[in-house]
């Protein structure tokens, strides 16, 4: 059975799930804000412990990566992301999830052929693009300066 464009458009409108844009935006904003508040709390904790600011910032980032990978490993990240949406895609937490998820999915294939080869399937192109862009930026900056 073949539909014309008008019939298909009507069918698509009737069967598609309506997006709750305002609610989804609010959830993403709150989830992203909570993740940022957690980062700030960690930074405050590290500074309170007497760690210098530069090291405290590094520890904050590493802690968020570790916590995101841990939550992904226990299978909670997808449930959080289902409700929080784009709020979980903050660069650090989303990137850690993008590295850990394929590795977990491929663990049955072994550490080398499974985990090792699948770990950067999603995040790999981002790493390569970032590295190449930074090299090109450095070259341009060198010649301009």
Protein backbone atom coordinates (compact mmCIF):
# COMPACT_ATOMS: atom_id res chain seq x y z
CA UNK A 1 0.00 0.00 0.00
CA UNK A 2 1.42 3.32 -1.02
CA UNK A 3 0.43 6.63 0.60
CA UNK A 4 0.49 10.04 -0.91
CA UNK A 5 2.26 12.86 0.96
CA UNK A 6 -0.88 14.29 2.55
CA UNK A 7 -2.02 10.90 3.82
CA UNK A 8 1.42 10.13 5.19
CA UNK A 9 1.67 13.53 6.90
CA UNK A 10 -1.71 12.97 8.56
CA UNK A 11 -0.68 9.44 9.61
CA UNK A 12 2.63 10.72 11.04
CA UNK A 13 0.90 13.45 13.04
CA UNK A 14 -1.61 11.00 14.48
CA UNK A 15 0.91 8.32 15.49
CA UNK A 16 3.93 10.33 16.58
CA UNK A 17 4.56 10.96 20.25
CA UNK A 18 4.08 14.58 21.16
CA UNK A 19 7.15 16.16 22.73
CA UNK A 20 6.76 17.98 26.03
CA UNK A 21 9.30 20.64 25.12
CA UNK A 22 8.96 22.83 28.20
CA UNK A 23 9.09 19.89 30.62
CA UNK A 24 12.03 18.26 28.82
CA UNK A 25 13.93 21.55 28.75
CA UNK A 26 13.34 22.08 32.47
CA UNK A 27 14.52 18.53 33.28
CA UNK A 28 17.66 18.95 31.18
CA UNK A 29 18.39 22.32 32.78
CA UNK A 30 17.96 20.93 36.30
CA UNK A 31 20.00 17.79 35.63
CA UNK A 32 22.83 19.76 34.04
CA UNK A 33 22.70 22.25 36.89
CA UNK A 34 22.86 19.47 39.48
CA UNK A 35 25.89 17.95 37.77
CA UNK A 36 27.57 21.37 37.74
CA UNK A 37 26.66 21.88 41.43
CA UNK A 38 28.24 18.50 42.20
CA UNK A 39 31.38 19.66 40.40
CA UNK A 40 31.43 22.90 42.37
CA UNK A 41 30.90 20.98 45.63
CA UNK A 42 33.82 18.71 44.79
CA UNK A 43 35.98 21.73 43.97
CA UNK A 44 35.03 23.33 47.30
CA UNK A 45 35.82 20.09 49.14
CA UNK A 46 39.24 19.81 47.54
CA UNK A 47 40.03 23.44 48.30
CA UNK A 48 38.81 22.95 51.89
CA UNK A 49 41.22 20.03 52.21
CA UNK A 50 44.05 22.44 51.43
CA UNK A 51 44.69 21.42 47.84
CA UNK A 52 45.83 24.27 45.59
CA UNK A 53 43.31 25.58 43.05
CA UNK A 54 44.93 24.13 39.93
CA UNK A 55 45.18 20.63 41.42
CA UNK A 56 41.67 20.93 42.90
CA UNK A 57 40.25 21.72 39.45
CA UNK A 58 42.01 18.69 38.00
CA UNK A 59 40.69 16.47 40.79
CA UNK A 60 37.19 17.86 40.24
CA UNK A 61 37.28 16.87 36.57
CA UNK A 62 38.74 13.45 37.32
CA UNK A 63 36.11 12.87 40.01
CA UNK A 64 33.26 13.72 37.63
CA UNK A 65 34.71 11.40 34.98
CA UNK A 66 35.11 8.61 37.53
CA UNK A 67 31.60 9.06 38.93
CA UNK A 68 30.09 9.13 35.44
CA UNK A 69 31.96 5.98 34.44
CA UNK A 70 30.92 4.30 37.70
CA UNK A 71 27.26 5.23 37.24
CA UNK A 72 27.46 3.97 33.65
CA UNK A 73 29.09 0.73 34.79
CA UNK A 74 26.31 0.06 37.29
CA UNK A 75 23.72 0.73 34.57
CA UNK A 76 22.18 3.84 36.11
CA UNK A 77 23.36 6.42 33.58
CA UNK A 78 20.83 5.40 30.91
CA UNK A 79 17.96 5.64 33.41
CA UNK A 80 19.10 9.09 34.49
CA UNK A 81 19.55 10.19 30.87
CA UNK A 82 16.08 8.91 29.98
CA UNK A 83 14.59 11.53 32.30
CA UNK A 84 17.30 14.22 32.25
CA UNK A 85 17.83 14.20 28.49
CA UNK A 86 20.48 16.60 27.25
CA UNK A 87 21.33 17.60 30.82
CA UNK A 88 23.53 14.52 31.11
CA UNK A 89 25.46 15.41 27.98
CA UNK A 90 27.68 17.90 29.73
CA UNK A 91 31.08 17.43 28.13
CA UNK A 92 32.69 15.51 30.97
CA UNK A 93 29.88 13.18 32.00
CA UNK A 94 28.63 12.58 28.47
CA UNK A 95 32.14 11.90 27.20
CA UNK A 96 32.85 9.41 30.01
CA UNK A 97 29.57 7.64 29.24
CA UNK A 98 30.44 7.55 25.52
CA UNK A 99 33.72 5.80 26.32
CA UNK A 100 32.45 3.35 28.96
CA UNK A 101 29.15 2.25 27.35
CA UNK A 102 30.61 0.60 24.21
CA UNK A 103 33.35 -1.00 26.32
CA UNK A 104 30.77 -2.57 28.62
CA UNK A 105 28.70 -3.78 25.67
CA UNK A 106 31.76 -5.49 24.16
CA UNK A 107 33.19 -7.08 27.33
CA UNK A 108 31.98 -10.54 26.30
CA UNK A 109 34.43 -10.37 23.37
CA UNK A 110 37.40 -10.08 25.74
CA UNK A 111 39.60 -7.27 26.94
CA UNK A 112 41.62 -6.72 23.77
CA UNK A 113 39.20 -7.48 20.92
CA UNK A 114 36.14 -6.37 22.88
CA UNK A 115 36.77 -3.67 25.45
CA UNK A 116 39.99 -2.34 23.92
CA UNK A 117 38.71 -2.11 20.37
CA UNK A 118 35.22 -0.84 21.12
CA UNK A 119 36.04 1.66 23.88
CA UNK A 120 36.56 4.59 21.51
CA UNK A 121 33.98 3.74 18.84
CA UNK A 122 31.85 6.75 19.76
CA UNK A 123 34.42 9.02 21.44
CA UNK A 124 37.30 8.25 19.07
CA UNK A 125 36.29 10.61 16.26
CA UNK A 126 35.85 13.40 18.81
CA UNK A 127 39.35 12.78 20.17
CA UNK A 128 40.86 12.68 16.68
CA UNK A 129 39.05 15.84 15.57
CA UNK A 130 40.05 17.67 18.75
CA UNK A 131 43.68 16.63 18.41
CA UNK A 132 43.91 17.64 14.75
CA UNK A 133 42.13 20.94 15.39
CA UNK A 134 44.49 21.77 18.27
CA UNK A 135 47.55 20.98 16.13
CA UNK A 136 46.28 23.17 13.30
CA UNK A 137 45.44 25.95 15.75
CA UNK A 138 48.93 25.68 17.24
CA UNK A 139 50.56 25.93 13.81
CA UNK A 140 48.48 28.96 12.84
CA UNK A 141 49.16 30.59 16.21
CA UNK A 142 52.90 29.93 15.83
CA UNK A 143 53.06 31.69 12.47
CA UNK A 144 50.82 34.58 13.49
CA UNK A 145 52.80 35.24 16.66
